[in-house]
PDB file of all heavy atoms in Angstrom:
ATOM      1  N   GLY A   1      92.050  59.997 113.758  1.00  0.00           N
ATOM      2  CA  GLY A   1      91.736  58.630 113.339  1.00  0.00           C
ATOM      3  C   GLY A   1      90.875  58.553 112.098  1.00  0.00           C
ATOM      4  O   GLY A   1      90.430  57.470 111.700  1.00  0.00           O
ATOM      5  N   ILE A   2      90.627  59.676 111.454  1.00  0.00           N
ATOM      6  CA  ILE A   2      89.774  59.705 110.265  1.00  0.00           C
ATOM      7  C   ILE A   2      90.622  59.527 109.008  1.00  0.00           C
ATOM      8  O   ILE A   2      91.610  60.238 108.811  1.00  0.00           O
ATOM      9  CB  ILE A   2      88.976  61.020 110.209  1.00  0.00           C
ATOM     10  CG1 ILE A   2      87.966  61.047 111.366  1.00  0.00           C
ATOM     11  CG2 ILE A   2      88.263  61.180 108.873  1.00  0.00           C
ATOM     12  CD1 ILE A   2      87.192  62.332 111.493  1.00  0.00           C
ATOM     13  N   PRO A   3      90.278  58.557 108.147  1.00  0.00           N
ATOM     14  CA  PRO A   3      91.105  58.259 106.967  1.00  0.00           C
ATOM     15  C   PRO A   3      91.148  59.394 105.954  1.00  0.00           C
ATOM     16  O   PRO A   3      90.198  60.172 105.834  1.00  0.00           O
ATOM     17  CB  PRO A   3      90.429  57.017 106.375  1.00  0.00           C
ATOM     18  CG  PRO A   3      89.021  57.057 106.877  1.00  0.00           C
ATOM     19  CD  PRO A   3      89.095  57.681 108.240  1.00  0.00           C
ATOM     20  N   LYS A   4      92.259  59.473 105.239  1.00  0.00           N
ATOM     21  CA  LYS A   4      92.450  60.526 104.242  1.00  0.00           C
ATOM     22  C   LYS A   4      91.388  60.459 103.150  1.00  0.00           C
ATOM     23  O   LYS A   4      90.938  61.502 102.649  1.00  0.00           O
ATOM     24  CB  LYS A   4      93.834  60.409 103.616  1.00  0.00           C
ATOM     25  CG  LYS A   4      94.149  61.525 102.621  1.00  0.00           C
ATOM     26  CD  LYS A   4      95.510  61.366 102.010  1.00  0.00           C
ATOM     27  CE  LYS A   4      95.830  62.547 101.090  1.00  0.00           C
ATOM     28  NZ  LYS A   4      94.840  62.719 100.012  1.00  0.00           N
ATOM     29  N   ALA A   5      90.958  59.261 102.776  1.00  0.00           N
ATOM     30  CA  ALA A   5      89.946  59.127 101.724  1.00  0.00           C
ATOM     31  C   ALA A   5      88.666  59.861 102.098  1.00  0.00           C
ATOM     32  O   ALA A   5      88.018  60.485 101.259  1.00  0.00           O
ATOM     33  CB  ALA A   5      89.653  57.650 101.460  1.00  0.00           C
ATOM     34  N   LEU A   6      88.306  59.797 103.372  1.00  0.00           N
ATOM     35  CA  LEU A   6      87.093  60.486 103.806  1.00  0.00           C
ATOM     36  C   LEU A   6      87.313  61.996 103.857  1.00  0.00           C
ATOM     37  O   LEU A   6      86.423  62.773 103.497  1.00  0.00           O
ATOM     38  CB  LEU A   6      86.642  59.968 105.168  1.00  0.00           C
ATOM     39  CG  LEU A   6      85.272  60.521 105.581  1.00  0.00           C
ATOM     40  CD1 LEU A   6      84.378  59.433 106.122  1.00  0.00           C
ATOM     41  CD2 LEU A   6      85.424  61.623 106.625  1.00  0.00           C
ATOM     42  N   MET A   7      88.489  62.416 104.301  1.00  0.00           N
ATOM     43  CA  MET A   7      88.787  63.850 104.317  1.00  0.00           C
ATOM     44  C   MET A   7      88.697  64.420 102.906  1.00  0.00           C
ATOM     45  O   MET A   7      88.165  65.520 102.705  1.00  0.00           O
ATOM     46  CB  MET A   7      90.186  64.080 104.887  1.00  0.00           C
ATOM     47  CG  MET A   7      90.354  63.688 106.346  1.00  0.00           C
ATOM     48  SD  MET A   7      89.323  64.649 107.493  1.00  0.00           S
ATOM     49  CE  MET A   7      89.978  66.296 107.284  1.00  0.00           C
ATOM     50  N   ASP A   8      89.188  63.670 101.926  1.00  0.00           N
ATOM     51  CA  ASP A   8      89.108  64.119 100.534  1.00  0.00           C
ATOM     52  C   ASP A   8      87.657  64.186 100.064  1.00  0.00           C
ATOM     53  O   ASP A   8      87.260  65.115  99.343  1.00  0.00           O
ATOM     54  CB  ASP A   8      89.899  63.169  99.632  1.00  0.00           C
ATOM     55  CG  ASP A   8      91.398  63.244  99.866  1.00  0.00           C
ATOM     56  OD1 ASP A   8      91.853  64.230 100.476  1.00  0.00           O
ATOM     57  OD2 ASP A   8      92.113  62.317  99.449  1.00  0.00           O
ATOM     58  N   GLU A   9      86.852  63.203 100.479  1.00  0.00           N
ATOM     59  CA  GLU A   9      85.440  63.171 100.091  1.00  0.00           C
ATOM     60  C   GLU A   9      84.679  64.351 100.691  1.00  0.00           C
ATOM     61  O   GLU A   9      83.770  64.911 100.071  1.00  0.00           O
ATOM     62  CB  GLU A   9      84.811  61.851 100.547  1.00  0.00           C
ATOM     63  CG  GLU A   9      83.431  61.573  99.968  1.00  0.00           C
ATOM     64  CD  GLU A   9      83.434  61.339  98.467  1.00  0.00           C
ATOM     65  OE1 GLU A   9      84.392  60.726  97.955  1.00  0.00           O
ATOM     66  OE2 GLU A   9      82.485  61.797  97.806  1.00  0.00           O
ATOM     67  N   LEU A  10      85.063  64.744 101.911  1.00  0.00           N
ATOM     68  CA  LEU A  10      84.400  65.877 102.568  1.00  0.00           C
ATOM     69  C   LEU A  10      84.585  67.178 101.794  1.00  0.00           C
ATOM     70  O   LEU A  10      83.745  68.075 101.881  1.00  0.00           O
ATOM     71  CB  LEU A  10      84.942  66.047 103.992  1.00  0.00           C
ATOM     72  CG  LEU A  10      84.449  65.049 105.039  1.00  0.00           C
ATOM     73  CD1 LEU A  10      85.214  65.221 106.342  1.00  0.00           C
ATOM     74  CD2 LEU A  10      82.957  65.222 105.294  1.00  0.00           C
ATOM     75  N   GLU A  11      85.673  67.281 101.056  1.00  0.00           N
ATOM     76  CA  GLU A  11      85.927  68.508 100.303  1.00  0.00           C
ATOM     77  C   GLU A  11      84.825  68.789  99.287  1.00  0.00           C
ATOM     78  O   GLU A  11      84.577  69.937  98.924  1.00  0.00           O
ATOM     79  CB  GLU A  11      87.287  68.432  99.602  1.00  0.00           C
ATOM     80  CG  GLU A  11      88.477  68.584 100.542  1.00  0.00           C
ATOM     81  CD  GLU A  11      88.502  69.931 101.243  1.00  0.00           C
ATOM     82  OE1 GLU A  11      88.181  70.952 100.590  1.00  0.00           O
ATOM     83  OE2 GLU A  11      88.836  69.972 102.438  1.00  0.00           O
ATOM     84  N   ASN A  12      84.136  67.735  98.822  1.00  0.00           N
ATOM     85  CA  ASN A  12      83.040  67.933  97.871  1.00  0.00           C
ATOM     86  C   ASN A  12      81.917  68.772  98.454  1.00  0.00           C
ATOM     87  O   ASN A  12      81.188  69.446  97.723  1.00  0.00           O
ATOM     88  CB  ASN A  12      82.483  66.579  97.423  1.00  0.00           C
ATOM     89  CG  ASN A  12      83.482  65.780  96.598  1.00  0.00           C
ATOM     90  OD1 ASN A  12      84.333  66.350  95.922  1.00  0.00           O
ATOM     91  ND2 ASN A  12      83.383  64.458  96.662  1.00  0.00           N
ATOM     92  N   MET A  13      81.772  68.724  99.789  1.00  0.00           N
ATOM     93  CA  MET A  13      80.698  69.477 100.432  1.00  0.00           C
ATOM     94  C   MET A  13      80.909  70.981 100.321  1.00  0.00           C
ATOM     95  O   MET A  13      79.960  71.766 100.443  1.00  0.00           O
ATOM     96  CB  MET A  13      80.574  69.073 101.907  1.00  0.00           C
ATOM     97  CG  MET A  13      80.173  67.628 102.130  1.00  0.00           C
ATOM     98  SD  MET A  13      80.028  67.189 103.875  1.00  0.00           S
ATOM     99  CE  MET A  13      78.634  68.212 104.379  1.00  0.00           C
ATOM    100  N   PHE A  14      82.154  71.403 100.109  1.00  0.00           N
ATOM    101  CA  PHE A  14      82.458  72.828 100.018  1.00  0.00           C
ATOM    102  C   PHE A  14      82.203  73.393  98.623  1.00  0.00           C
ATOM    103  O   PHE A  14      82.399  74.586  98.385  1.00  0.00           O
ATOM    104  CB  PHE A  14      83.921  73.078 100.409  1.00  0.00           C
ATOM    105  CG  PHE A  14      84.186  72.943 101.871  1.00  0.00           C
ATOM    106  CD1 PHE A  14      84.597  71.732 102.403  1.00  0.00           C
ATOM    107  CD2 PHE A  14      84.017  74.018 102.731  1.00  0.00           C
ATOM    108  CE1 PHE A  14      84.843  71.586 103.756  1.00  0.00           C
ATOM    109  CE2 PHE A  14      84.253  73.890 104.084  1.00  0.00           C
ATOM    110  CZ  PHE A  14      84.670  72.674 104.607  1.00  0.00           C
ATOM    111  N   ALA A  15      81.771  72.540  97.698  1.00  0.00           N
ATOM    112  CA  ALA A  15      81.559  72.979  96.323  1.00  0.00           C
ATOM    113  C   ALA A  15      80.446  74.025  96.217  1.00  0.00           C
ATOM    114  O   ALA A  15      80.478  74.901  95.345  1.00  0.00           O
ATOM    115  CB  ALA A  15      81.244  71.781  95.427  1.00  0.00           C
ATOM    116  N   GLY A  16      79.466  73.944  97.077  1.00  0.00           N
ATOM    117  CA  GLY A  16      78.362  74.896  97.035  1.00  0.00           C
ATOM    118  C   GLY A  16      77.728  75.031  98.403  1.00  0.00           C
ATOM    119  O   GLY A  16      77.891  74.184  99.269  1.00  0.00           O
ATOM    120  N   GLY A  17      76.980  76.106  98.618  1.00  0.00           N
ATOM    121  CA  GLY A  17      76.313  76.320  99.891  1.00  0.00           C
ATOM    122  C   GLY A  17      77.249  76.854 100.957  1.00  0.00           C
ATOM    123  O   GLY A  17      78.415  77.158 100.715  1.00  0.00           O
ATOM    124  N   ASN A  18      76.731  76.958 102.162  1.00  0.00           N
ATOM    125  CA  ASN A  18      77.479  77.482 103.304  1.00  0.00           C
ATOM    126  C   ASN A  18      77.918  76.304 104.167  1.00  0.00           C
ATOM    127  O   ASN A  18      77.258  75.953 105.141  1.00  0.00           O
ATOM    128  CB  ASN A  18      76.607  78.449 104.109  1.00  0.00           C
ATOM    129  CG  ASN A  18      77.304  78.943 105.362  1.00  0.00           C
ATOM    130  OD1 ASN A  18      78.496  79.187 105.368  1.00  0.00           O
ATOM    131  ND2 ASN A  18      76.532  79.073 106.444  1.00  0.00           N
ATOM    132  N   THR A  19      79.020  75.672 103.798  1.00  0.00           N
ATOM    133  CA  THR A  19      79.517  74.507 104.525  1.00  0.00           C
ATOM    134  C   THR A  19      80.669  74.912 105.430  1.00  0.00           C
ATOM    135  O   THR A  19      81.579  75.627 105.009  1.00  0.00           O
ATOM    136  CB  THR A  19      79.995  73.411 103.553  1.00  0.00           C
ATOM    137  OG1 THR A  19      78.888  72.979 102.762  1.00  0.00           O
ATOM    138  CG2 THR A  19      80.555  72.223 104.310  1.00  0.00           C
ATOM    139  N   ARG A  20      80.619  74.454 106.667  1.00  0.00           N
ATOM    140  CA  ARG A  20      81.684  74.709 107.628  1.00  0.00           C
ATOM    141  C   ARG A  20      82.136  73.383 108.242  1.00  0.00           C
ATOM    142  O   ARG A  20      81.335  72.455 108.393  1.00  0.00           O
ATOM    143  CB  ARG A  20      81.204  75.656 108.741  1.00  0.00           C
ATOM    144  CG  ARG A  20      80.640  76.972 108.234  1.00  0.00           C
ATOM    145  CD  ARG A  20      81.702  77.780 107.490  1.00  0.00           C
ATOM    146  NE  ARG A  20      81.163  78.913 106.768  1.00  0.00           N
ATOM    147  CZ  ARG A  20      81.264  80.178 107.183  1.00  0.00           C
ATOM    148  NH1 ARG A  20      81.867  80.454 108.331  1.00  0.00           N
ATOM    149  NH2 ARG A  20      80.773  81.151 106.460  1.00  0.00           N
ATOM    150  N   LEU A  21      83.404  73.313 108.601  1.00  0.00           N
ATOM    151  CA  LEU A  21      83.964  72.091 109.172  1.00  0.00           C
ATOM    152  C   LEU A  21      84.760  72.437 110.424  1.00  0.00           C
ATOM    153  O   LEU A  21      85.541  73.403 110.425  1.00  0.00           O
ATOM    154  CB  LEU A  21      84.856  71.393 108.150  1.00  0.00           C
ATOM    155  CG  LEU A  21      85.457  70.033 108.536  1.00  0.00           C
ATOM    156  CD1 LEU A  21      85.620  69.170 107.279  1.00  0.00           C
ATOM    157  CD2 LEU A  21      86.825  70.195 109.216  1.00  0.00           C
ATOM    158  N   ILE A  22      84.562  71.659 111.477  1.00  0.00           N
ATOM    159  CA  ILE A  22      85.365  71.806 112.685  1.00  0.00           C
ATOM    160  C   ILE A  22      85.881  70.427 113.076  1.00  0.00           C
ATOM    161  O   ILE A  22      85.129  69.451 113.077  1.00  0.00           O
ATOM    162  CB  ILE A  22      84.580  72.467 113.834  1.00  0.00           C
ATOM    163  CG1 ILE A  22      85.498  72.739 115.030  1.00  0.00           C
ATOM    164  CG2 ILE A  22      83.358  71.649 114.243  1.00  0.00           C
ATOM    165  CD1 ILE A  22      84.896  73.717 116.046  1.00  0.00           C
ATOM    166  N   MET A  23      87.163  70.341 113.347  1.00  0.00           N
ATOM    167  CA  MET A  23      87.818  69.057 113.617  1.00  0.00           C
ATOM    168  C   MET A  23      88.431  69.068 115.016  1.00  0.00           C
ATOM    169  O   MET A  23      89.269  69.913 115.336  1.00  0.00           O
ATOM    170  CB  MET A  23      88.900  68.805 112.560  1.00  0.00           C
ATOM    171  CG  MET A  23      89.696  67.531 112.756  1.00  0.00           C
ATOM    172  SD  MET A  23      90.784  67.167 111.320  1.00  0.00           S
ATOM    173  CE  MET A  23      91.903  68.590 111.352  1.00  0.00           C
ATOM    174  N   PHE A  24      87.990  68.124 115.862  1.00  0.00           N
ATOM    175  CA  PHE A  24      88.549  67.960 117.197  1.00  0.00           C
ATOM    176  C   PHE A  24      89.555  66.813 117.176  1.00  0.00           C
ATOM    177  O   PHE A  24      89.287  65.754 116.597  1.00  0.00           O
ATOM    178  CB  PHE A  24      87.449  67.628 118.209  1.00  0.00           C
ATOM    179  CG  PHE A  24      86.392  68.690 118.339  1.00  0.00           C
ATOM    180  CD1 PHE A  24      85.071  68.420 118.020  1.00  0.00           C
ATOM    181  CD2 PHE A  24      86.717  69.962 118.786  1.00  0.00           C
ATOM    182  CE1 PHE A  24      84.095  69.396 118.154  1.00  0.00           C
ATOM    183  CE2 PHE A  24      85.754  70.947 118.911  1.00  0.00           C
ATOM    184  CZ  PHE A  24      84.431  70.662 118.593  1.00  0.00           C
ATOM    185  N   PHE A  25      90.691  66.991 117.834  1.00  0.00           N
ATOM    186  CA  PHE A  25      91.677  65.911 117.830  1.00  0.00           C
ATOM    187  C   PHE A  25      92.716  66.098 118.923  1.00  0.00           C
ATOM    188  O   PHE A  25      92.864  67.182 119.499  1.00  0.00           O
ATOM    189  CB  PHE A  25      92.370  65.829 116.465  1.00  0.00           C
ATOM    190  CG  PHE A  25      93.236  67.018 116.126  1.00  0.00           C
ATOM    191  CD1 PHE A  25      94.606  66.991 116.341  1.00  0.00           C
ATOM    192  CD2 PHE A  25      92.673  68.168 115.572  1.00  0.00           C
ATOM    193  CE1 PHE A  25      95.401  68.082 116.026  1.00  0.00           C
ATOM    194  CE2 PHE A  25      93.456  69.261 115.244  1.00  0.00           C
ATOM    195  CZ  PHE A  25      94.836  69.217 115.476  1.00  0.00           C
ATOM    196  N   ASN A  26      93.422  64.999 119.199  1.00  0.00           N
ATOM    197  CA  ASN A  26      94.612  65.033 120.040  1.00  0.00           C
ATOM    198  C   ASN A  26      95.811  64.945 119.099  1.00  0.00           C
ATOM    199  O   ASN A  26      95.781  64.161 118.146  1.00  0.00           O
ATOM    200  CB  ASN A  26      94.626  63.864 121.022  1.00  0.00           C
ATOM    201  CG  ASN A  26      93.445  63.901 121.971  1.00  0.00           C
ATOM    202  OD1 ASN A  26      92.501  63.133 121.830  1.00  0.00           O
ATOM    203  ND2 ASN A  26      93.486  64.798 122.931  1.00  0.00           N
ATOM    204  N   PRO A  27      96.867  65.693 119.344  1.00  0.00           N
ATOM    205  CA  PRO A  27      98.007  65.728 118.419  1.00  0.00           C
ATOM    206  C   PRO A  27      98.917  64.507 118.572  1.00  0.00           C
ATOM    207  O   PRO A  27     100.046  64.608 119.048  1.00  0.00           O
ATOM    208  CB  PRO A  27      98.725  67.022 118.816  1.00  0.00           C
ATOM    209  CG  PRO A  27      98.437  67.169 120.277  1.00  0.00           C
ATOM    210  CD  PRO A  27      97.038  66.658 120.462  1.00  0.00           C
ATOM    211  N   VAL A  28      98.445  63.356 118.128  1.00  0.00           N
ATOM    212  CA  VAL A  28      99.178  62.114 118.362  1.00  0.00           C
ATOM    213  C   VAL A  28     100.045  61.673 117.186  1.00  0.00           C
ATOM    214  O   VAL A  28     100.862  60.772 117.339  1.00  0.00           O
ATOM    215  CB  VAL A  28      98.212  60.963 118.733  1.00  0.00           C
ATOM    216  CG1 VAL A  28      97.462  61.277 119.998  1.00  0.00           C
ATOM    217  CG2 VAL A  28      97.239  60.676 117.599  1.00  0.00           C
ATOM    218  N   VAL A  29      99.873  62.273 116.017  1.00  0.00           N
ATOM    219  CA  VAL A  29     100.633  61.829 114.842  1.00  0.00           C
ATOM    220  C   VAL A  29     101.351  63.005 114.180  1.00  0.00           C
ATOM    221  O   VAL A  29     100.937  64.155 114.309  1.00  0.00           O
ATOM    222  CB  VAL A  29      99.719  61.132 113.808  1.00  0.00           C
ATOM    223  CG1 VAL A  29      99.194  59.811 114.370  1.00  0.00           C
ATOM    224  CG2 VAL A  29      98.551  62.028 113.409  1.00  0.00           C
ATOM    225  N   LEU A  30     102.397  62.683 113.460  1.00  0.00           N
ATOM    226  CA  LEU A  30     103.210  63.694 112.781  1.00  0.00           C
ATOM    227  C   LEU A  30     102.984  63.677 111.278  1.00  0.00           C
ATOM    228  O   LEU A  30     103.880  63.990 110.497  1.00  0.00           O
ATOM    229  CB  LEU A  30     104.696  63.460 113.096  1.00  0.00           C
ATOM    230  CG  LEU A  30     105.073  63.529 114.578  1.00  0.00           C
ATOM    231  CD1 LEU A  30     106.552  63.244 114.755  1.00  0.00           C
ATOM    232  CD2 LEU A  30     104.713  64.884 115.168  1.00  0.00           C
ATOM    233  N   SER A  31     101.784  63.311 110.875  1.00  0.00           N
ATOM    234  CA  SER A  31     101.426  63.291 109.451  1.00  0.00           C
ATOM    235  C   SER A  31      99.912  63.426 109.343  1.00  0.00           C
ATOM    236  O   SER A  31      99.201  63.403 110.347  1.00  0.00           O
ATOM    237  CB  SER A  31     101.894  61.992 108.800  1.00  0.00           C
ATOM    238  OG  SER A  31     101.295  60.873 109.436  1.00  0.00           O
ATOM    239  N   GLY A  32      99.432  63.563 108.122  1.00  0.00           N
ATOM    240  CA  GLY A  32      97.990  63.648 107.904  1.00  0.00           C
ATOM    241  C   GLY A  32      97.411  65.027 108.182  1.00  0.00           C
ATOM    242  O   GLY A  32      98.134  65.992 108.451  1.00  0.00           O
ATOM    243  N   GLU A  33      96.086  65.110 108.118  1.00  0.00           N
ATOM    244  CA  GLU A  33      95.382  66.390 108.225  1.00  0.00           C
ATOM    245  C   GLU A  33      95.575  67.065 109.574  1.00  0.00           C
ATOM    246  O   GLU A  33      95.707  68.282 109.662  1.00  0.00           O
ATOM    247  CB  GLU A  33      93.888  66.165 107.968  1.00  0.00           C
ATOM    248  CG  GLU A  33      93.147  67.405 107.500  1.00  0.00           C
ATOM    249  CD  GLU A  33      93.384  67.711 106.026  1.00  0.00           C
ATOM    250  OE1 GLU A  33      93.493  66.760 105.236  1.00  0.00           O
ATOM    251  OE2 GLU A  33      93.443  68.902 105.667  1.00  0.00           O
ATOM    252  N   THR A  34      95.594  66.272 110.656  1.00  0.00           N
ATOM    253  CA  THR A  34      95.705  66.871 111.990  1.00  0.00           C
ATOM    254  C   THR A  34      97.098  67.436 112.256  1.00  0.00           C
ATOM    255  O   THR A  34      97.265  68.231 113.194  1.00  0.00           O
ATOM    256  CB  THR A  34      95.343  65.856 113.092  1.00  0.00           C
ATOM    257  OG1 THR A  34      96.199  64.706 112.985  1.00  0.00           O
ATOM    258  CG2 THR A  34      93.895  65.427 112.978  1.00  0.00           C
ATOM    259  N   TYR A  35      98.075  67.033 111.488  1.00  0.00           N
ATOM    260  CA  TYR A  35      99.412  67.629 111.594  1.00  0.00           C
ATOM    261  C   TYR A  35      99.546  68.796 110.622  1.00  0.00           C
ATOM    262  O   TYR A  35     100.055  69.857 110.968  1.00  0.00           O
ATOM    263  CB  TYR A  35     100.486  66.581 111.305  1.00  0.00           C
ATOM    264  CG  TYR A  35     101.899  67.091 111.518  1.00  0.00           C
ATOM    265  CD1 TYR A  35     102.434  67.191 112.793  1.00  0.00           C
ATOM    266  CD2 TYR A  35     102.686  67.476 110.431  1.00  0.00           C
ATOM    267  CE1 TYR A  35     103.731  67.670 112.988  1.00  0.00           C
ATOM    268  CE2 TYR A  35     103.980  67.953 110.613  1.00  0.00           C
ATOM    269  CZ  TYR A  35     104.499  68.038 111.899  1.00  0.00           C
ATOM    270  OH  TYR A  35     105.765  68.509 112.095  1.00  0.00           O
ATOM    271  N   ALA A  36      99.038  68.601 109.414  1.00  0.00           N
ATOM    272  CA  ALA A  36      99.149  69.636 108.384  1.00  0.00           C
ATOM    273  C   ALA A  36      98.425  70.918 108.772  1.00  0.00           C
ATOM    274  O   ALA A  36      98.884  72.017 108.453  1.00  0.00           O
ATOM    275  CB  ALA A  36      98.602  69.111 107.063  1.00  0.00           C
ATOM    276  N   CYS A  37      97.299  70.789 109.484  1.00  0.00           N
ATOM    277  CA  CYS A  37      96.496  71.980 109.814  1.00  0.00           C
ATOM    278  C   CYS A  37      97.251  72.958 110.718  1.00  0.00           C
ATOM    279  O   CYS A  37      96.902  74.144 110.770  1.00  0.00           O
ATOM    280  CB  CYS A  37      95.166  71.574 110.451  1.00  0.00           C
ATOM    281  SG  CYS A  37      95.330  70.850 112.093  1.00  0.00           S
ATOM    282  N   ALA A  38      98.249  72.468 111.434  1.00  0.00           N
ATOM    283  CA  ALA A  38      99.032  73.339 112.315  1.00  0.00           C
ATOM    284  C   ALA A  38     100.440  73.592 111.782  1.00  0.00           C
ATOM    285  O   ALA A  38     101.227  74.281 112.425  1.00  0.00           O
ATOM    286  CB  ALA A  38      99.115  72.725 113.708  1.00  0.00           C
ATOM    287  N   HIS A  39     100.726  73.045 110.590  1.00  0.00           N
ATOM    288  CA  HIS A  39     102.058  73.186 110.035  1.00  0.00           C
ATOM    289  C   HIS A  39     101.990  73.629 108.563  1.00  0.00           C
ATOM    290  O   HIS A  39     101.727  74.798 108.302  1.00  0.00           O
ATOM    291  CB  HIS A  39     102.834  71.868 110.197  1.00  0.00           C
ATOM    292  CG  HIS A  39     103.096  71.525 111.625  1.00  0.00           C
ATOM    293  ND1 HIS A  39     102.196  70.818 112.414  1.00  0.00           N
ATOM    294  CD2 HIS A  39     104.149  71.800 112.429  1.00  0.00           C
ATOM    295  CE1 HIS A  39     102.686  70.682 113.635  1.00  0.00           C
ATOM    296  NE2 HIS A  39     103.858  71.269 113.671  1.00  0.00           N
ATOM    297  N   GLY A  40     102.160  72.725 107.626  1.00  0.00           N
ATOM    298  CA  GLY A  40     102.228  73.105 106.218  1.00  0.00           C
ATOM    299  C   GLY A  40     100.978  73.781 105.667  1.00  0.00           C
ATOM    300  O   GLY A  40     101.054  74.605 104.762  1.00  0.00           O
ATOM    301  N   GLN A  41      99.794  73.426 106.206  1.00  0.00           N
ATOM    302  CA  GLN A  41      98.547  74.014 105.727  1.00  0.00           C
ATOM    303  C   GLN A  41      97.897  74.927 106.775  1.00  0.00           C
ATOM    304  O   GLN A  41      96.686  75.135 106.783  1.00  0.00           O
ATOM    305  CB  GLN A  41      97.572  72.903 105.334  1.00  0.00           C
ATOM    306  CG  GLN A  41      98.071  72.046 104.178  1.00  0.00           C
ATOM    307  CD  GLN A  41      97.083  70.959 103.785  1.00  0.00           C
ATOM    308  OE1 GLN A  41      95.952  70.917 104.254  1.00  0.00           O
ATOM    309  NE2 GLN A  41      97.519  70.056 102.921  1.00  0.00           N
ATOM    310  N   LYS A  42      98.711  75.463 107.644  1.00  0.00           N
ATOM    311  CA  LYS A  42      98.201  76.291 108.743  1.00  0.00           C
ATOM    312  C   LYS A  42      97.369  77.469 108.262  1.00  0.00           C
ATOM    313  O   LYS A  42      96.377  77.855 108.890  1.00  0.00           O
ATOM    314  CB  LYS A  42      99.387  76.793 109.580  1.00  0.00           C
ATOM    315  CG  LYS A  42      98.986  77.523 110.854  1.00  0.00           C
ATOM    316  CD  LYS A  42     100.220  77.878 111.680  1.00  0.00           C
ATOM    317  CE  LYS A  42      99.809  78.581 112.967  1.00  0.00           C
ATOM    318  NZ  LYS A  42     101.009  78.902 113.800  1.00  0.00           N
TER     319      LYS A  42
END
């Protein structure tokens, strides 16, 4: 349920330092980050 605009903004945090991200979700959609992480961007 997290919008793509925010996911893109989060990428700025990886520019420096020791940043880690963990995403919890239910596989309810066939598009977006929660689908890509297990498919095209696995």
